[in-house]
Amino acid sequence: MAKNMNNLLKQAQQMQQKITTLQKELEARELDISSGGGMIKIKVNGKQEILEITIDKECVDPTDVGMLEELVKTAVNQAVRESQDMVSSAMSKVTGGINIPGMF
């Protein structure tokens, strides 16, 4: 029984090390997302941090700020979703599909 417990603890420690390494790798991964046919571009990392936002000057219309706001919102939401999907997919490979709350 003690041997099984030691093996289980060892496996948990190995998984934690893999997760820690993966978290660092994911922080460095970047996704480029766009909306409005490329008029709004967003770069996001694996921590769901927005690194860069580029807005094409052609979509800046002072009489239609609502359109610009909608394009930015769409791009940000898509960037966050894709970043979360990237992290979730990478984590499930390390954890064997086990969802570990608070890992990212």
PDB file of N, CA and C in Angstrom:
ATOM      1  N   MET A   1       0.830  -1.200   0.000  1.00  0.00           N
ATOM      2  CA  MET A   1       0.000   0.000   0.000  1.00  0.00           C
ATOM      3  C   MET A   1       0.869   1.257   0.000  1.00  0.00           C
ATOM      4  N   ALA A   2       1.913   1.279   0.832  1.00  0.00           N
ATOM      5  CA  ALA A   2       2.794   2.442   0.897  1.00  0.00           C
ATOM      6  C   ALA A   2       3.527   2.639  -0.421  1.00  0.00           C
ATOM      7  N   LYS A   3       3.880   1.521  -1.073  1.00  0.00           N
ATOM      8  CA  LYS A   3       4.578   1.612  -2.359  1.00  0.00           C
ATOM      9  C   LYS A   3       3.672   2.258  -3.415  1.00  0.00           C
ATOM     10  N   ASN A   4       2.400   1.859  -3.417  1.00  0.00           N
ATOM     11  CA  ASN A   4       1.445   2.460  -4.351  1.00  0.00           C
ATOM     12  C   ASN A   4       1.275   3.947  -4.093  1.00  0.00           C
ATOM     13  N   MET A   5       1.244   4.317  -2.820  1.00  0.00           N
ATOM     14  CA  MET A   5       1.103   5.731  -2.458  1.00  0.00           C
ATOM     15  C   MET A   5       2.332   6.511  -2.895  1.00  0.00           C
ATOM     16  N   ASN A   6       3.513   5.943  -2.714  1.00  0.00           N
ATOM     17  CA  ASN A   6       4.747   6.608  -3.143  1.00  0.00           C
ATOM     18  C   ASN A   6       4.764   6.780  -4.661  1.00  0.00           C
ATOM     19  N   ASN A   7       4.326   5.748  -5.391  1.00  0.00           N
ATOM     20  CA  ASN A   7       4.263   5.852  -6.852  1.00  0.00           C
ATOM     21  C   ASN A   7       3.281   6.943  -7.277  1.00  0.00           C
ATOM     22  N   LEU A   8       2.148   6.999  -6.596  1.00  0.00           N
ATOM     23  CA  LEU A   8       1.146   8.008  -6.904  1.00  0.00           C
ATOM     24  C   LEU A   8       1.692   9.416  -6.654  1.00  0.00           C
ATOM     25  N   LEU A   9       2.374   9.596  -5.545  1.00  0.00           N
ATOM     26  CA  LEU A   9       2.978  10.900  -5.229  1.00  0.00           C
ATOM     27  C   LEU A   9       4.041  11.267  -6.253  1.00  0.00           C
ATOM     28  N   LYS A  10       4.829  10.285  -6.654  1.00  0.00           N
ATOM     29  CA  LYS A  10       5.876  10.534  -7.647  1.00  0.00           C
ATOM     30  C   LYS A  10       5.258  10.953  -8.974  1.00  0.00           C
ATOM     31  N   GLN A  11       4.190  10.276  -9.384  1.00  0.00           N
ATOM     32  CA  GLN A  11       3.501  10.634 -10.619  1.00  0.00           C
ATOM     33  C   GLN A  11       2.901  12.044 -10.529  1.00  0.00           C
ATOM     34  N   ALA A  12       2.341  12.378  -9.392  1.00  0.00           N
ATOM     35  CA  ALA A  12       1.765  13.710  -9.200  1.00  0.00           C
ATOM     36  C   ALA A  12       2.846  14.787  -9.291  1.00  0.00           C
ATOM     37  N   GLN A  13       4.010  14.514  -8.716  1.00  0.00           N
ATOM     38  CA  GLN A  13       5.115  15.475  -8.779  1.00  0.00           C
ATOM     39  C   GLN A  13       5.601  15.640 -10.219  1.00  0.00           C
ATOM     40  N   GLN A  14       5.678  14.535 -10.957  1.00  0.00           N
ATOM     41  CA  GLN A  14       6.099  14.606 -12.357  1.00  0.00           C
ATOM     42  C   GLN A  14       5.096  15.410 -13.182  1.00  0.00           C
ATOM     43  N   MET A  15       3.801  15.173 -12.919  1.00  0.00           N
ATOM     44  CA  MET A  15       2.776  15.915 -13.635  1.00  0.00           C
ATOM     45  C   MET A  15       2.871  17.398 -13.305  1.00  0.00           C
ATOM     46  N   GLN A  16       3.104  17.733 -12.057  1.00  0.00           N
ATOM     47  CA  GLN A  16       3.227  19.137 -11.656  1.00  0.00           C
ATOM     48  C   GLN A  16       4.403  19.792 -12.364  1.00  0.00           C
ATOM     49  N   GLN A  17       5.518  19.077 -12.491  1.00  0.00           N
ATOM     50  CA  GLN A  17       6.676  19.627 -13.195  1.00  0.00           C
ATOM     51  C   GLN A  17       6.345  19.862 -14.667  1.00  0.00           C
ATOM     52  N   LYS A  18       5.644  18.914 -15.289  1.00  0.00           N
ATOM     53  CA  LYS A  18       5.260  19.068 -16.691  1.00  0.00           C
ATOM     54  C   LYS A  18       4.317  20.254 -16.865  1.00  0.00           C
ATOM     55  N   ILE A  19       3.394  20.403 -15.934  1.00  0.00           N
ATOM     56  CA  ILE A  19       2.441  21.511 -16.005  1.00  0.00           C
ATOM     57  C   ILE A  19       3.151  22.847 -15.856  1.00  0.00           C
ATOM     58  N   THR A  20       4.084  22.927 -14.925  1.00  0.00           N
ATOM     59  CA  THR A  20       4.846  24.159 -14.718  1.00  0.00           C
ATOM     60  C   THR A  20       5.627  24.527 -15.980  1.00  0.00           C
ATOM     61  N   THR A  21       6.259  23.542 -16.595  1.00  0.00           N
ATOM     62  CA  THR A  21       7.000  23.777 -17.832  1.00  0.00           C
ATOM     63  C   THR A  21       6.065  24.231 -18.939  1.00  0.00           C
ATOM     64  N   LEU A  22       4.920  23.562 -19.054  1.00  0.00           N
ATOM     65  CA  LEU A  22       3.948  23.918 -20.081  1.00  0.00           C
ATOM     66  C   LEU A  22       3.412  25.327 -19.873  1.00  0.00           C
ATOM     67  N   GLN A  23       3.151  25.705 -18.629  1.00  0.00           N
ATOM     68  CA  GLN A  23       2.655  27.055 -18.356  1.00  0.00           C
ATOM     69  C   GLN A  23       3.636  28.104 -18.864  1.00  0.00           C
ATOM     70  N   LYS A  24       4.917  27.867 -18.655  1.00  0.00           N
ATOM     71  CA  LYS A  24       5.936  28.817 -19.129  1.00  0.00           C
ATOM     72  C   LYS A  24       5.958  28.860 -20.653  1.00  0.00           C
ATOM     73  N   GLU A  25       5.808  27.692 -21.281  1.00  0.00           N
ATOM     74  CA  GLU A  25       5.773  27.648 -22.738  1.00  0.00           C
ATOM     75  C   GLU A  25       4.549  28.385 -23.278  1.00  0.00           C
ATOM     76  N   LEU A  26       3.413  28.188 -22.629  1.00  0.00           N
ATOM     77  CA  LEU A  26       2.178  28.830 -23.088  1.00  0.00           C
ATOM     78  C   LEU A  26       2.245  30.344 -22.959  1.00  0.00           C
ATOM     79  N   GLU A  27       2.929  30.832 -21.944  1.00  0.00           N
ATOM     80  CA  GLU A  27       3.079  32.281 -21.792  1.00  0.00           C
ATOM     81  C   GLU A  27       3.782  32.875 -23.005  1.00  0.00           C
ATOM     82  N   ALA A  28       4.682  32.095 -23.610  1.00  0.00           N
ATOM     83  CA  ALA A  28       5.454  32.594 -24.751  1.00  0.00           C
ATOM     84  C   ALA A  28       4.709  32.424 -26.075  1.00  0.00           C
ATOM     85  N   ARG A  29       3.705  31.561 -26.109  1.00  0.00           N
ATOM     86  CA  ARG A  29       2.959  31.350 -27.352  1.00  0.00           C
ATOM     87  C   ARG A  29       2.053  32.543 -27.617  1.00  0.00           C
ATOM     88  N   GLU A  30       1.973  32.901 -28.888  1.00  0.00           N
ATOM     89  CA  GLU A  30       1.151  34.045 -29.274  1.00  0.00           C
ATOM     90  C   GLU A  30       0.206  33.653 -30.403  1.00  0.00           C
ATOM     91  N   LEU A  31      -0.970  34.232 -30.382  1.00  0.00           N
ATOM     92  CA  LEU A  31      -1.962  34.050 -31.436  1.00  0.00           C
ATOM     93  C   LEU A  31      -2.265  35.402 -32.050  1.00  0.00           C
ATOM     94  N   ASP A  32      -2.410  35.422 -33.369  1.00  0.00           N
ATOM     95  CA  ASP A  32      -2.815  36.630 -34.077  1.00  0.00           C
ATOM     96  C   ASP A  32      -4.254  36.441 -34.537  1.00  0.00           C
ATOM     97  N   ILE A  33      -5.129  37.321 -34.093  1.00  0.00           N
ATOM     98  CA  ILE A  33      -6.560  37.244 -34.378  1.00  0.00           C
ATOM     99  C   ILE A  33      -6.970  38.533 -35.078  1.00  0.00           C
ATOM    100  N   SER A  34      -7.946  38.422 -35.983  1.00  0.00           N
ATOM    101  CA  SER A  34      -8.433  39.641 -36.627  1.00  0.00           C
ATOM    102  C   SER A  34      -9.942  39.582 -36.773  1.00  0.00           C
ATOM    103  N   SER A  35     -10.537  40.749 -36.935  1.00  0.00           N
ATOM    104  CA  SER A  35     -11.971  40.848 -37.212  1.00  0.00           C
ATOM    105  C   SER A  35     -12.164  41.963 -38.233  1.00  0.00           C
ATOM    106  N   GLY A  36     -13.363  42.000 -38.779  1.00  0.00           N
ATOM    107  CA  GLY A  36     -13.660  43.038 -39.763  1.00  0.00           C
ATOM    108  C   GLY A  36     -12.796  42.924 -41.001  1.00  0.00           C
ATOM    109  N   GLY A  37     -12.531  41.689 -41.425  1.00  0.00           N
ATOM    110  CA  GLY A  37     -11.707  41.505 -42.623  1.00  0.00           C
ATOM    111  C   GLY A  37     -10.283  41.970 -42.437  1.00  0.00           C
ATOM    112  N   GLY A  38      -9.786  41.888 -41.221  1.00  0.00           N
ATOM    113  CA  GLY A  38      -8.405  42.279 -40.932  1.00  0.00           C
ATOM    114  C   GLY A  38      -8.248  43.729 -40.519  1.00  0.00           C
ATOM    115  N   MET A  39      -9.355  44.428 -40.351  1.00  0.00           N
ATOM    116  CA  MET A  39      -9.263  45.839 -39.963  1.00  0.00           C
ATOM    117  C   MET A  39      -8.851  45.997 -38.503  1.00  0.00           C
ATOM    118  N   ILE A  40      -9.198  45.003 -37.674  1.00  0.00           N
ATOM    119  CA  ILE A  40      -8.782  44.986 -36.271  1.00  0.00           C
ATOM    120  C   ILE A  40      -7.940  43.739 -36.082  1.00  0.00           C
ATOM    121  N   LYS A  41      -6.728  43.906 -35.580  1.00  0.00           N
ATOM    122  CA  LYS A  41      -5.841  42.769 -35.336  1.00  0.00           C
ATOM    123  C   LYS A  41      -5.436  42.781 -33.871  1.00  0.00           C
ATOM    124  N   ILE A  42      -5.460  41.590 -33.283  1.00  0.00           N
ATOM    125  CA  ILE A  42      -5.099  41.462 -31.875  1.00  0.00           C
ATOM    126  C   ILE A  42      -4.093  40.334 -31.717  1.00  0.00           C
ATOM    127  N   LYS A  43      -3.076  40.583 -30.925  1.00  0.00           N
ATOM    128  CA  LYS A  43      -2.102  39.556 -30.580  1.00  0.00           C
ATOM    129  C   LYS A  43      -2.296  39.236 -29.099  1.00  0.00           C
ATOM    130  N   VAL A  44      -2.463  37.952 -28.787  1.00  0.00           N
ATOM    131  CA  VAL A  44      -2.723  37.507 -27.426  1.00  0.00           C
ATOM    132  C   VAL A  44      -1.777  36.350 -27.107  1.00  0.00           C
ATOM    133  N   ASN A  45      -1.423  36.209 -25.827  1.00  0.00           N
ATOM    134  CA  ASN A  45      -0.560  35.090 -25.452  1.00  0.00           C
ATOM    135  C   ASN A  45      -1.366  34.015 -24.724  1.00  0.00           C
ATOM    136  N   GLY A  46      -0.673  32.979 -24.294  1.00  0.00           N
ATOM    137  CA  GLY A  46      -1.309  31.862 -23.609  1.00  0.00           C
ATOM    138  C   GLY A  46      -1.803  32.170 -22.213  1.00  0.00           C
ATOM    139  N   LYS A  47      -1.530  33.358 -21.720  1.00  0.00           N
ATOM    140  CA  LYS A  47      -2.073  33.780 -20.425  1.00  0.00           C
ATOM    141  C   LYS A  47      -3.308  34.653 -20.618  1.00  0.00           C
ATOM    142  N   GLN A  48      -3.804  34.696 -21.831  1.00  0.00           N
ATOM    143  CA  GLN A  48      -4.942  35.526 -22.216  1.00  0.00           C
ATOM    144  C   GLN A  48      -4.657  37.010 -22.004  1.00  0.00           C
ATOM    145  N   GLU A  49      -3.405  37.387 -22.177  1.00  0.00           N
ATOM    146  CA  GLU A  49      -3.025  38.799 -22.095  1.00  0.00           C
ATOM    147  C   GLU A  49      -3.003  39.369 -23.510  1.00  0.00           C
ATOM    148  N   ILE A  50      -3.638  40.506 -23.685  1.00  0.00           N
ATOM    149  CA  ILE A  50      -3.606  41.193 -24.972  1.00  0.00           C
ATOM    150  C   ILE A  50      -2.241  41.868 -25.081  1.00  0.00           C
ATOM    151  N   LEU A  51      -1.482  41.488 -26.088  1.00  0.00           N
ATOM    152  CA  LEU A  51      -0.142  42.025 -26.269  1.00  0.00           C
ATOM    153  C   LEU A  51      -0.129  43.226 -27.211  1.00  0.00           C
ATOM    154  N   GLU A  52      -1.062  43.208 -28.157  1.00  0.00           N
ATOM    155  CA  GLU A  52      -1.049  44.263 -29.165  1.00  0.00           C
ATOM    156  C   GLU A  52      -2.433  44.365 -29.815  1.00  0.00           C
ATOM    157  N   ILE A  53      -2.847  45.573 -30.090  1.00  0.00           N
ATOM    158  CA  ILE A  53      -4.072  45.826 -30.851  1.00  0.00           C
ATOM    159  C   ILE A  53      -3.715  46.796 -31.973  1.00  0.00           C
ATOM    160  N   THR A  54      -4.079  46.410 -33.194  1.00  0.00           N
ATOM    161  CA  THR A  54      -3.846  47.264 -34.354  1.00  0.00           C
ATOM    162  C   THR A  54      -5.191  47.566 -34.998  1.00  0.00           C
ATOM    163  N   ILE A  55      -5.466  48.840 -35.209  1.00  0.00           N
ATOM    164  CA  ILE A  55      -6.732  49.263 -35.804  1.00  0.00           C
ATOM    165  C   ILE A  55      -6.422  49.992 -37.114  1.00  0.00           C
ATOM    166  N   ASP A  56      -6.959  49.464 -38.204  1.00  0.00           N
ATOM    167  CA  ASP A  56      -6.780  50.083 -39.513  1.00  0.00           C
ATOM    168  C   ASP A  56      -7.487  51.439 -39.506  1.00  0.00           C
ATOM    169  N   LYS A  57      -6.807  52.464 -39.987  1.00  0.00           N
ATOM    170  CA  LYS A  57      -7.370  53.817 -39.936  1.00  0.00           C
ATOM    171  C   LYS A  57      -8.666  53.952 -40.736  1.00  0.00           C
ATOM    172  N   GLU A  58      -8.882  53.052 -41.701  1.00  0.00           N
ATOM    173  CA  GLU A  58     -10.104  53.126 -42.495  1.00  0.00           C
ATOM    174  C   GLU A  58     -11.363  52.794 -41.694  1.00  0.00           C
ATOM    175  N   CYS A  59     -11.207  52.076 -40.583  1.00  0.00           N
ATOM    176  CA  CYS A  59     -12.405  51.739 -39.800  1.00  0.00           C
ATOM    177  C   CYS A  59     -12.634  52.726 -38.655  1.00  0.00           C
ATOM    178  N   VAL A  60     -11.834  53.786 -38.613  1.00  0.00           N
ATOM    179  CA  VAL A  60     -12.029  54.812 -37.592  1.00  0.00           C
ATOM    180  C   VAL A  60     -12.895  55.921 -38.197  1.00  0.00           C
ATOM    181  N   ASP A  61     -14.170  55.850 -37.882  1.00  0.00           N
ATOM    182  CA  ASP A  61     -15.139  56.827 -38.383  1.00  0.00           C
ATOM    183  C   ASP A  61     -15.775  57.505 -37.174  1.00  0.00           C
ATOM    184  N   PRO A  62     -15.456  58.769 -36.928  1.00  0.00           N
ATOM    185  CA  PRO A  62     -15.991  59.454 -35.752  1.00  0.00           C
ATOM    186  C   PRO A  62     -17.516  59.468 -35.691  1.00  0.00           C
ATOM    187  N   THR A  63     -18.169  59.287 -36.833  1.00  0.00           N
ATOM    188  CA  THR A  63     -19.635  59.282 -36.829  1.00  0.00           C
ATOM    189  C   THR A  63     -20.214  57.895 -36.562  1.00  0.00           C
ATOM    190  N   ASP A  64     -19.346  56.873 -36.509  1.00  0.00           N
ATOM    191  CA  ASP A  64     -19.826  55.509 -36.268  1.00  0.00           C
ATOM    192  C   ASP A  64     -18.880  54.782 -35.307  1.00  0.00           C
ATOM    193  N   VAL A  65     -18.746  55.314 -34.118  1.00  0.00           N
ATOM    194  CA  VAL A  65     -17.884  54.727 -33.100  1.00  0.00           C
ATOM    195  C   VAL A  65     -18.394  53.341 -32.701  1.00  0.00           C
ATOM    196  N   GLY A  66     -19.690  53.148 -32.764  1.00  0.00           N
ATOM    197  CA  GLY A  66     -20.283  51.859 -32.406  1.00  0.00           C
ATOM    198  C   GLY A  66     -19.740  50.710 -33.233  1.00  0.00           C
ATOM    199  N   MET A  67     -19.519  50.939 -34.528  1.00  0.00           N
ATOM    200  CA  MET A  67     -18.971  49.891 -35.386  1.00  0.00           C
ATOM    201  C   MET A  67     -17.565  49.525 -34.941  1.00  0.00           C
ATOM    202  N   LEU A  68     -16.748  50.508 -34.641  1.00  0.00           N
ATOM    203  CA  LEU A  68     -15.383  50.264 -34.190  1.00  0.00           C
ATOM    204  C   LEU A  68     -15.389  49.498 -32.872  1.00  0.00           C
ATOM    205  N   GLU A  69     -16.244  49.909 -31.963  1.00  0.00           N
ATOM    206  CA  GLU A  69     -16.343  49.219 -30.675  1.00  0.00           C
ATOM    207  C   GLU A  69     -16.735  47.754 -30.869  1.00  0.00           C
ATOM    208  N   GLU A  70     -17.671  47.504 -31.755  1.00  0.00           N
ATOM    209  CA  GLU A  70     -18.125  46.129 -32.021  1.00  0.00           C
ATOM    210  C   GLU A  70     -17.004  45.283 -32.637  1.00  0.00           C
ATOM    211  N   LEU A  71     -16.246  45.866 -33.563  1.00  0.00           N
ATOM    212  CA  LEU A  71     -15.125  45.143 -34.178  1.00  0.00           C
ATOM    213  C   LEU A  71     -14.061  44.792 -33.143  1.00  0.00           C
ATOM    214  N   VAL A  72     -13.747  45.749 -32.271  1.00  0.00           N
ATOM    215  CA  VAL A  72     -12.744  45.506 -31.228  1.00  0.00           C
ATOM    216  C   VAL A  72     -13.246  44.442 -30.254  1.00  0.00           C
ATOM    217  N   LYS A  73     -14.486  44.552 -29.832  1.00  0.00           N
ATOM    218  CA  LYS A  73     -15.061  43.570 -28.906  1.00  0.00           C
ATOM    219  C   LYS A  73     -15.032  42.175 -29.513  1.00  0.00           C
ATOM    220  N   THR A  74     -15.427  42.058 -30.770  1.00  0.00           N
ATOM    221  CA  THR A  74     -15.430  40.771 -31.455  1.00  0.00           C
ATOM    222  C   THR A  74     -14.020  40.177 -31.503  1.00  0.00           C
ATOM    223  N   ALA A  75     -13.052  40.996 -31.861  1.00  0.00           N
ATOM    224  CA  ALA A  75     -11.674  40.512 -31.959  1.00  0.00           C
ATOM    225  C   ALA A  75     -11.123  40.099 -30.599  1.00  0.00           C
ATOM    226  N   VAL A  76     -11.391  40.886 -29.576  1.00  0.00           N
ATOM    227  CA  VAL A  76     -10.906  40.552 -28.229  1.00  0.00           C
ATOM    228  C   VAL A  76     -11.539  39.251 -27.739  1.00  0.00           C
ATOM    229  N   ASN A  77     -12.842  39.118 -27.902  1.00  0.00           N
ATOM    230  CA  ASN A  77     -13.509  37.892 -27.459  1.00  0.00           C
ATOM    231  C   ASN A  77     -12.986  36.666 -28.201  1.00  0.00           C
ATOM    232  N   GLN A  78     -12.765  36.806 -29.493  1.00  0.00           N
ATOM    233  CA  GLN A  78     -12.235  35.694 -30.269  1.00  0.00           C
ATOM    234  C   GLN A  78     -10.810  35.358 -29.826  1.00  0.00           C
ATOM    235  N   ALA A  79     -10.001  36.382 -29.571  1.00  0.00           N
ATOM    236  CA  ALA A  79      -8.626  36.160 -29.124  1.00  0.00           C
ATOM    237  C   ALA A  79      -8.594  35.424 -27.792  1.00  0.00           C
ATOM    238  N   VAL A  80      -9.440  35.825 -26.864  1.00  0.00           N
ATOM    239  CA  VAL A  80      -9.490  35.176 -25.556  1.00  0.00           C
ATOM    240  C   VAL A  80      -9.947  33.722 -25.704  1.00  0.00           C
ATOM    241  N   ARG A  81     -10.988  33.489 -26.504  1.00  0.00           N
ATOM    242  CA  ARG A  81     -11.494  32.124 -26.717  1.00  0.00           C
ATOM    243  C   ARG A  81     -10.418  31.224 -27.316  1.00  0.00           C
ATOM    244  N   GLU A  82      -9.750  31.709 -28.350  1.00  0.00           N
ATOM    245  CA  GLU A  82      -8.727  30.894 -29.004  1.00  0.00           C
ATOM    246  C   GLU A  82      -7.543  30.637 -28.085  1.00  0.00           C
ATOM    247  N   SER A  83      -7.187  31.616 -27.283  1.00  0.00           N
ATOM    248  CA  SER A  83      -6.110  31.426 -26.317  1.00  0.00           C
ATOM    249  C   SER A  83      -6.506  30.399 -25.268  1.00  0.00           C
ATOM    250  N   GLN A  84      -7.743  30.483 -24.780  1.00  0.00           N
ATOM    251  CA  GLN A  84      -8.226  29.507 -23.806  1.00  0.00           C
ATOM    252  C   GLN A  84      -8.255  28.102 -24.405  1.00  0.00           C
ATOM    253  N   ASP A  85      -8.691  27.993 -25.653  1.00  0.00           N
ATOM    254  CA  ASP A  85      -8.713  26.692 -26.325  1.00  0.00           C
ATOM    255  C   ASP A  85      -7.308  26.123 -26.465  1.00  0.00           C
ATOM    256  N   MET A  86      -6.347  26.987 -26.812  1.00  0.00           N
ATOM    257  CA  MET A  86      -4.959  26.554 -26.951  1.00  0.00           C
ATOM    258  C   MET A  86      -4.436  26.019 -25.625  1.00  0.00           C
ATOM    259  N   VAL A  87      -4.698  26.748 -24.550  1.00  0.00           N
ATOM    260  CA  VAL A  87      -4.239  26.339 -23.221  1.00  0.00           C
ATOM    261  C   VAL A  87      -4.922  25.052 -22.793  1.00  0.00           C
ATOM    262  N   SER A  88      -6.219  24.977 -22.988  1.00  0.00           N
ATOM    263  CA  SER A  88      -6.977  23.797 -22.588  1.00  0.00           C
ATOM    264  C   SER A  88      -6.486  22.557 -23.317  1.00  0.00           C
ATOM    265  N   SER A  89      -6.266  22.685 -24.596  1.00  0.00           N
ATOM    266  CA  SER A  89      -5.783  21.564 -25.397  1.00  0.00           C
ATOM    267  C   SER A  89      -4.399  21.110 -24.945  1.00  0.00           C
ATOM    268  N   ALA A  90      -3.512  22.062 -24.720  1.00  0.00           N
ATOM    269  CA  ALA A  90      -2.152  21.723 -24.284  1.00  0.00           C
ATOM    270  C   ALA A  90      -2.158  21.093 -22.896  1.00  0.00           C
ATOM    271  N   MET A  91      -2.975  21.629 -21.996  1.00  0.00           N
ATOM    272  CA  MET A  91      -3.047  21.084 -20.637  1.00  0.00           C
ATOM    273  C   MET A  91      -3.626  19.675 -20.617  1.00  0.00           C
ATOM    274  N   SER A  92      -4.627  19.419 -21.461  1.00  0.00           N
ATOM    275  CA  SER A  92      -5.245  18.095 -21.441  1.00  0.00           C
ATOM    276  C   SER A  92      -4.263  17.027 -21.904  1.00  0.00           C
ATOM    277  N   LYS A  93      -3.312  17.403 -22.743  1.00  0.00           N
ATOM    278  CA  LYS A  93      -2.279  16.458 -23.162  1.00  0.00           C
ATOM    279  C   LYS A  93      -1.384  16.078 -21.992  1.00  0.00           C
ATOM    280  N   VAL A  94      -1.115  17.018 -21.106  1.00  0.00           N
ATOM    281  CA  VAL A  94      -0.250  16.763 -19.955  1.00  0.00           C
ATOM    282  C   VAL A  94      -1.009  16.050 -18.843  1.00  0.00           C
ATOM    283  N   THR A  95      -2.257  16.434 -18.633  1.00  0.00           N
ATOM    284  CA  THR A  95      -3.013  15.890 -17.499  1.00  0.00           C
ATOM    285  C   THR A  95      -3.859  14.679 -17.871  1.00  0.00           C
ATOM    286  N   GLY A  96      -3.818  14.277 -19.134  1.00  0.00           N
ATOM    287  CA  GLY A  96      -4.628  13.144 -19.556  1.00  0.00           C
ATOM    288  C   GLY A  96      -6.116  13.454 -19.553  1.00  0.00           C
ATOM    289  N   GLY A  97      -6.457  14.719 -19.740  1.00  0.00           N
ATOM    290  CA  GLY A  97      -7.857  15.119 -19.794  1.00  0.00           C
ATOM    291  C   GLY A  97      -8.458  15.487 -18.452  1.00  0.00           C
ATOM    292  N   ILE A  98      -7.699  15.348 -17.381  1.00  0.00           N
ATOM    293  CA  ILE A  98      -8.200  15.710 -16.056  1.00  0.00           C
ATOM    294  C   ILE A  98      -8.197  17.224 -15.936  1.00  0.00           C
ATOM    295  N   ASN A  99      -9.326  17.801 -15.586  1.00  0.00           N
ATOM    296  CA  ASN A  99      -9.424  19.256 -15.411  1.00  0.00           C
ATOM    297  C   ASN A  99      -8.941  19.616 -14.019  1.00  0.00           C
ATOM    298  N   ILE A 100      -7.864  20.373 -13.945  1.00  0.00           N
ATOM    299  CA  ILE A 100      -7.302  20.803 -12.660  1.00  0.00           C
ATOM    300  C   ILE A 100      -7.590  22.288 -12.505  1.00  0.00           C
ATOM    301  N   PRO A 101      -8.566  22.645 -11.673  1.00  0.00           N
ATOM    302  CA  PRO A 101      -8.941  24.054 -11.522  1.00  0.00           C
ATOM    303  C   PRO A 101      -7.760  24.926 -11.077  1.00  0.00           C
ATOM    304  N   GLY A 102      -7.710  26.125 -11.631  1.00  0.00           N
ATOM    305  CA  GLY A 102      -6.711  27.101 -11.194  1.00  0.00           C
ATOM    306  C   GLY A 102      -5.345  26.913 -11.808  1.00  0.00           C
ATOM    307  N   MET A 103      -5.205  25.983 -12.760  1.00  0.00           N
ATOM    308  CA  MET A 103      -3.889  25.772 -13.343  1.00  0.00           C
ATOM    309  C   MET A 103      -3.525  26.863 -14.321  1.00  0.00           C
ATOM    310  N   PHE A 104      -4.517  27.534 -14.900  1.00  0.00           N
ATOM    311  CA  PHE A 104      -4.240  28.633 -15.818  1.00  0.00           C
ATOM    312  C   PHE A 104      -5.445  29.488 -15.949  1.00  0.00           C
TER     313      PHE A 104
END
